Structure formats: structure tokens, C-alpha cells
C-alpha atoms as a PDB file:
ATOM      1  CA  UNK A   1       7.322 -24.164  52.040  1.00  0.00           C
ATOM      2  CA  UNK A   2       3.740 -24.290  50.695  1.00  0.00           C
ATOM      3  CA  UNK A   3       2.558 -27.973  50.325  1.00  0.00           C
ATOM      4  CA  UNK A   4       1.150 -27.418  46.792  1.00  0.00           C
ATOM      5  CA  UNK A   5       4.479 -25.977  45.480  1.00  0.00           C
ATOM      6  CA  UNK A   6       6.545 -28.955  46.879  1.00  0.00           C
ATOM      7  CA  UNK A   7       4.609 -31.774  45.119  1.00  0.00           C
ATOM      8  CA  UNK A   8       5.212 -32.280  41.435  1.00  0.00           C
ATOM      9  CA  UNK A   9       1.967 -31.497  39.537  1.00  0.00           C
ATOM     10  CA  UNK A  10       0.561 -34.251  37.264  1.00  0.00           C
ATOM     11  CA  UNK A  11      -1.268 -31.520  35.169  1.00  0.00           C
ATOM     12  CA  UNK A  12       0.833 -29.415  32.915  1.00  0.00           C
ATOM     13  CA  UNK A  13      -0.928 -26.467  31.445  1.00  0.00           C
ATOM     14  CA  UNK A  14       0.419 -25.877  27.867  1.00  0.00           C
ATOM     15  CA  UNK A  15       0.527 -26.985  24.292  1.00  0.00           C
ATOM     16  CA  UNK A  16       2.777 -29.650  22.962  1.00  0.00           C
ATOM     17  CA  UNK A  17       4.602 -29.508  19.702  1.00  0.00           C
ATOM     18  CA  UNK A  18       2.197 -31.912  18.055  1.00  0.00           C
ATOM     19  CA  UNK A  19      -0.709 -29.748  19.040  1.00  0.00           C
ATOM     20  CA  UNK A  20       0.875 -26.739  17.753  1.00  0.00           C
ATOM     21  CA  UNK A  21       1.739 -28.369  14.403  1.00  0.00           C
ATOM     22  CA  UNK A  22      -1.859 -29.549  14.128  1.00  0.00           C
ATOM     23  CA  UNK A  23      -3.077 -26.021  14.582  1.00  0.00           C
ATOM     24  CA  UNK A  24      -0.782 -24.465  11.964  1.00  0.00           C
ATOM     25  CA  UNK A  25      -1.612 -27.193   9.530  1.00  0.00           C
ATOM     26  CA  UNK A  26      -5.286 -26.690   9.936  1.00  0.00           C
ATOM     27  CA  UNK A  27      -4.883 -22.829   9.458  1.00  0.00           C
ATOM     28  CA  UNK A  28      -2.789 -23.538   6.409  1.00  0.00           C
ATOM     29  CA  UNK A  29      -5.338 -25.877   4.890  1.00  0.00           C
ATOM     30  CA  UNK A  30      -8.074 -23.229   5.493  1.00  0.00           C
ATOM     31  CA  UNK A  31      -6.043 -20.491   3.976  1.00  0.00           C
ATOM     32  CA  UNK A  32      -5.138 -22.752   0.967  1.00  0.00           C
ATOM     33  CA  UNK A  33      -8.887 -23.165   0.359  1.00  0.00           C
ATOM     34  CA  UNK A  34      -9.677 -19.449   1.029  1.00  0.00           C
ATOM     35  CA  UNK A  35      -7.092 -17.783  -1.390  1.00  0.00           C
ATOM     36  CA  UNK A  36      -8.620 -18.799  -4.622  1.00  0.00           C
ATOM     37  CA  UNK A  37     -12.072 -17.513  -3.428  1.00  0.00           C
ATOM     38  CA  UNK A  38     -10.450 -14.059  -2.398  1.00  0.00           C
ATOM     39  CA  UNK A  39      -8.786 -13.864  -5.751  1.00  0.00           C
ATOM     40  CA  UNK A  40     -11.994 -14.579  -7.614  1.00  0.00           C
ATOM     41  CA  UNK A  41     -14.004 -12.075  -5.449  1.00  0.00           C
ATOM     42  CA  UNK A  42     -11.384  -9.426  -6.232  1.00  0.00           C
ATOM     43  CA  UNK A  43     -11.772 -10.157 -10.031  1.00  0.00           C
ATOM     44  CA  UNK A  44     -15.492 -10.063  -9.818  1.00  0.00           C
ATOM     45  CA  UNK A  45     -15.520  -6.680  -7.897  1.00  0.00           C
ATOM     46  CA  UNK A  46     -13.157  -5.133 -10.402  1.00  0.00           C
ATOM     47  CA  UNK A  47     -15.566  -6.349 -13.162  1.00  0.00           C
ATOM     48  CA  UNK A  48     -18.503  -4.847 -11.342  1.00  0.00           C
ATOM     49  CA  UNK A  49     -16.796  -1.621 -10.855  1.00  0.00           C
ATOM     50  CA  UNK A  50     -15.995  -1.403 -14.527  1.00  0.00           C
ATOM     51  CA  UNK A  51     -19.613  -2.085 -15.415  1.00  0.00           C
ATOM     52  CA  UNK A  52     -20.785   0.471 -12.856  1.00  0.00           C
ATOM     53  CA  UNK A  53     -18.507   3.095 -14.200  1.00  0.00           C
ATOM     54  CA  UNK A  54     -19.552   2.331 -17.834  1.00  0.00           C
ATOM     55  CA  UNK A  55     -23.136   2.737 -16.716  1.00  0.00           C
ATOM     56  CA  UNK A  56     -22.305   6.078 -15.062  1.00  0.00           C
ATOM     57  CA  UNK A  57     -20.701   7.293 -18.447  1.00  0.00           C
ATOM     58  CA  UNK A  58     -23.967   6.374 -20.088  1.00  0.00           C
ATOM     59  CA  UNK A  59     -25.891   8.421 -17.634  1.00  0.00           C
ATOM     60  CA  UNK A  60     -23.435  11.277 -18.101  1.00  0.00           C
ATOM     61  CA  UNK A  61     -24.062  11.144 -21.799  1.00  0.00           C
ATOM     62  CA  UNK A  62     -27.730  11.586 -21.297  1.00  0.00           C
ATOM     63  CA  UNK A  63     -27.204  14.364 -18.846  1.00  0.00           C
ATOM     64  CA  UNK A  64     -24.827  16.120 -21.238  1.00  0.00           C
ATOM     65  CA  UNK A  65     -27.446  16.081 -24.124  1.00  0.00           C
ATOM     66  CA  UNK A  66     -30.105  17.413 -21.697  1.00  0.00           C
ATOM     67  CA  UNK A  67     -27.896  20.291 -20.540  1.00  0.00           C
ATOM     68  CA  UNK A  68     -26.201  21.272 -23.811  1.00  0.00           C
ATOM     69  CA  UNK A  69     -29.043  20.452 -26.124  1.00  0.00           C
ATOM     70  CA  UNK A  70     -29.022  17.784 -28.898  1.00  0.00           C
ATOM     71  CA  UNK A  71     -27.450  19.963 -31.600  1.00  0.00           C
ATOM     72  CA  UNK A  72     -24.670  21.454 -29.430  1.00  0.00           C
ATOM     73  CA  UNK A  73     -23.902  18.181 -27.798  1.00  0.00           C
ATOM     74  CA  UNK A  74     -23.515  16.540 -31.178  1.00  0.00           C
ATOM     75  CA  UNK A  75     -21.235  19.269 -32.325  1.00  0.00           C
ATOM     76  CA  UNK A  76     -19.079  19.101 -29.171  1.00  0.00           C
ATOM     77  CA  UNK A  77     -19.004  15.405 -29.421  1.00  0.00           C
ATOM     78  CA  UNK A  78     -17.685  15.179 -32.926  1.00  0.00           C
ATOM     79  CA  UNK A  79     -15.098  17.956 -32.308  1.00  0.00           C
ATOM     80  CA  UNK A  80     -13.737  15.898 -29.438  1.00  0.00           C
ATOM     81  CA  UNK A  81     -11.754  13.418 -31.419  1.00  0.00           C
ATOM     82  CA  UNK A  82     -10.184  11.151 -28.717  1.00  0.00           C
ATOM     83  CA  UNK A  83     -11.712   9.155 -26.035  1.00  0.00           C
ATOM     84  CA  UNK A  84      -9.965  11.331 -23.410  1.00  0.00           C
ATOM     85  CA  UNK A  85     -11.581  14.496 -24.981  1.00  0.00           C
ATOM     86  CA  UNK A  86     -15.124  12.918 -24.797  1.00  0.00           C
ATOM     87  CA  UNK A  87     -14.464  11.861 -21.250  1.00  0.00           C
ATOM     88  CA  UNK A  88     -13.456  15.538 -20.413  1.00  0.00           C
ATOM     89  CA  UNK A  89     -16.821  16.577 -21.770  1.00  0.00           C
ATOM     90  CA  UNK A  90     -18.680  14.166 -19.568  1.00  0.00           C
ATOM     91  CA  UNK A  91     -16.514  14.470 -16.432  1.00  0.00           C
ATOM     92  CA  UNK A  92     -18.503  17.218 -14.891  1.00  0.00           C
ATOM     93  CA  UNK A  93     -21.623  15.026 -14.999  1.00  0.00           C
ATOM     94  CA  UNK A  94     -20.093  12.264 -13.031  1.00  0.00           C
ATOM     95  CA  UNK A  95     -20.228  11.969  -9.314  1.00  0.00           C
ATOM     96  CA  UNK A  96     -16.830  10.461  -9.045  1.00  0.00           C
ATOM     97  CA  UNK A  97     -14.398  11.338 -11.808  1.00  0.00           C
ATOM     98  CA  UNK A  98     -10.655  11.011 -12.070  1.00  0.00           C
ATOM     99  CA  UNK A  99      -8.721  13.400 -14.217  1.00  0.00           C
ATOM    100  CA  UNK A 100      -8.258  10.970 -17.133  1.00  0.00           C
ATOM    101  CA  UNK A 101     -10.257   8.156 -18.563  1.00  0.00           C
ATOM    102  CA  UNK A 102      -7.409   5.583 -17.743  1.00  0.00           C
ATOM    103  CA  UNK A 103      -7.475   6.461 -14.189  1.00  0.00           C
ATOM    104  CA  UNK A 104     -11.276   6.315 -14.005  1.00  0.00           C
ATOM    105  CA  UNK A 105     -11.445   2.809 -15.220  1.00  0.00           C
ATOM    106  CA  UNK A 106     -10.127  -0.226 -13.300  1.00  0.00           C
ATOM    107  CA  UNK A 107      -6.798  -1.639 -14.600  1.00  0.00           C
ATOM    108  CA  UNK A 108      -7.119  -3.638 -17.770  1.00  0.00           C
ATOM    109  CA  UNK A 109     -10.677  -2.449 -18.595  1.00  0.00           C
ATOM    110  CA  UNK A 110     -11.217   0.082 -21.563  1.00  0.00           C
ATOM    111  CA  UNK A 111     -14.043   2.023 -22.718  1.00  0.00           C
ATOM    112  CA  UNK A 112     -15.084   2.785 -26.390  1.00  0.00           C
ATOM    113  CA  UNK A 113     -17.396   5.804 -26.890  1.00  0.00           C
ATOM    114  CA  UNK A 114     -19.924   5.737 -29.620  1.00  0.00           C
ATOM    115  CA  UNK A 115     -19.212   7.818 -32.710  1.00  0.00           C
ATOM    116  CA  UNK A 116     -22.540   9.827 -32.230  1.00  0.00           C
ATOM    117  CA  UNK A 117     -23.741  10.950 -28.835  1.00  0.00           C
ATOM    118  CA  UNK A 118     -27.257  11.563 -30.137  1.00  0.00           C
ATOM    119  CA  UNK A 119     -27.855   7.970 -30.917  1.00  0.00           C
ATOM    120  CA  UNK A 120     -27.839   7.181 -27.248  1.00  0.00           C
ATOM    121  CA  UNK A 121     -25.818   3.980 -27.755  1.00  0.00           C
ATOM    122  CA  UNK A 122     -24.004   2.587 -24.642  1.00  0.00           C
ATOM    123  CA  UNK A 123     -20.321   2.860 -24.362  1.00  0.00           C
ATOM    124  CA  UNK A 124     -18.411  -0.286 -25.208  1.00  0.00           C
ATOM    125  CA  UNK A 125     -16.651  -2.016 -22.269  1.00  0.00           C
ATOM    126  CA  UNK A 126     -13.783  -4.459 -22.880  1.00  0.00           C
ATOM    127  CA  UNK A 127     -12.045  -6.461 -20.216  1.00  0.00           C
ATOM    128  CA  UNK A 128      -8.707  -8.332 -20.336  1.00  0.00           C
ATOM    129  CA  UNK A 129     -10.640 -11.418 -21.458  1.00  0.00           C
ATOM    130  CA  UNK A 130     -12.848  -9.743 -24.042  1.00  0.00           C
ATOM    131  CA  UNK A 131     -16.038  -7.613 -24.566  1.00  0.00           C
ATOM    132  CA  UNK A 132     -18.448  -7.288 -21.616  1.00  0.00           C
ATOM    133  CA  UNK A 133     -22.157  -7.023 -22.522  1.00  0.00           C
ATOM    134  CA  UNK A 134     -23.869  -5.205 -19.768  1.00  0.00           C
END
């Protein structure tokens, strides 16, 4: 028999239960501290996405007026009664456009279009917590 295998080793390579519990508890504490930050970052990113899409709608309004002309754009805008109909007019001028306004905006955020397109007023943006001024 090999001489190293016959002697009991005083060194045992492995982890004890206490060391494993310490590692698990440290990972738990780190994740406990990280979860609120991740949740806050997700809320901030949805808010930033809503603001970016509202700005894209503002630019689409300007493009729509330039292409159609001020008079025709005003007539089309007043003929489109609902927000979805107004969104349908602007959809071709957006680089990323869903089929409906509800699908275009992040969940919980709503857009209010101005009554007149020729006034070049920004669209109103409302979040679940209130109005967002951007």
C-alpha cells in the first residue's frame, strides 16, 4: 500500500456546515440590500421610457405638420376624435410604433394629446403617481 494513503491526513479539504451557512447568510444580506435598488431602477427606467416616447410623439407631431401642411394637419387632427385615432395619424412618423397607443406606452402611463396640433403643445404625460413635467 502507498505510504501516503495509509496515514490519516490531518488536513481535510472541504467546507464545514458553519462556513456554508456563513456564505449563504452573506449572500442573503447582499441580495436583501440589492432588491430595493433593482426595483427602483426598474421604475426609473419605465419612467424614462415613457418620457422618451412622449418626446417621440412630440417630434412626430412636428413631422406630421411638415409633411401634411399646417391646414391639412389641423383638419385631420380635429377629425380624429380619440387619442387612438390621433396616434394612428402619427404612427408612421415614429421609428418604433406599436399598433395601439396603449401598447406603445409603458404600463400605467397615459398620454393626453393637445386639442390643436398647430399650437405645437407637448403631449401630456401622466404616471401612476401623477403628472410628469418633462
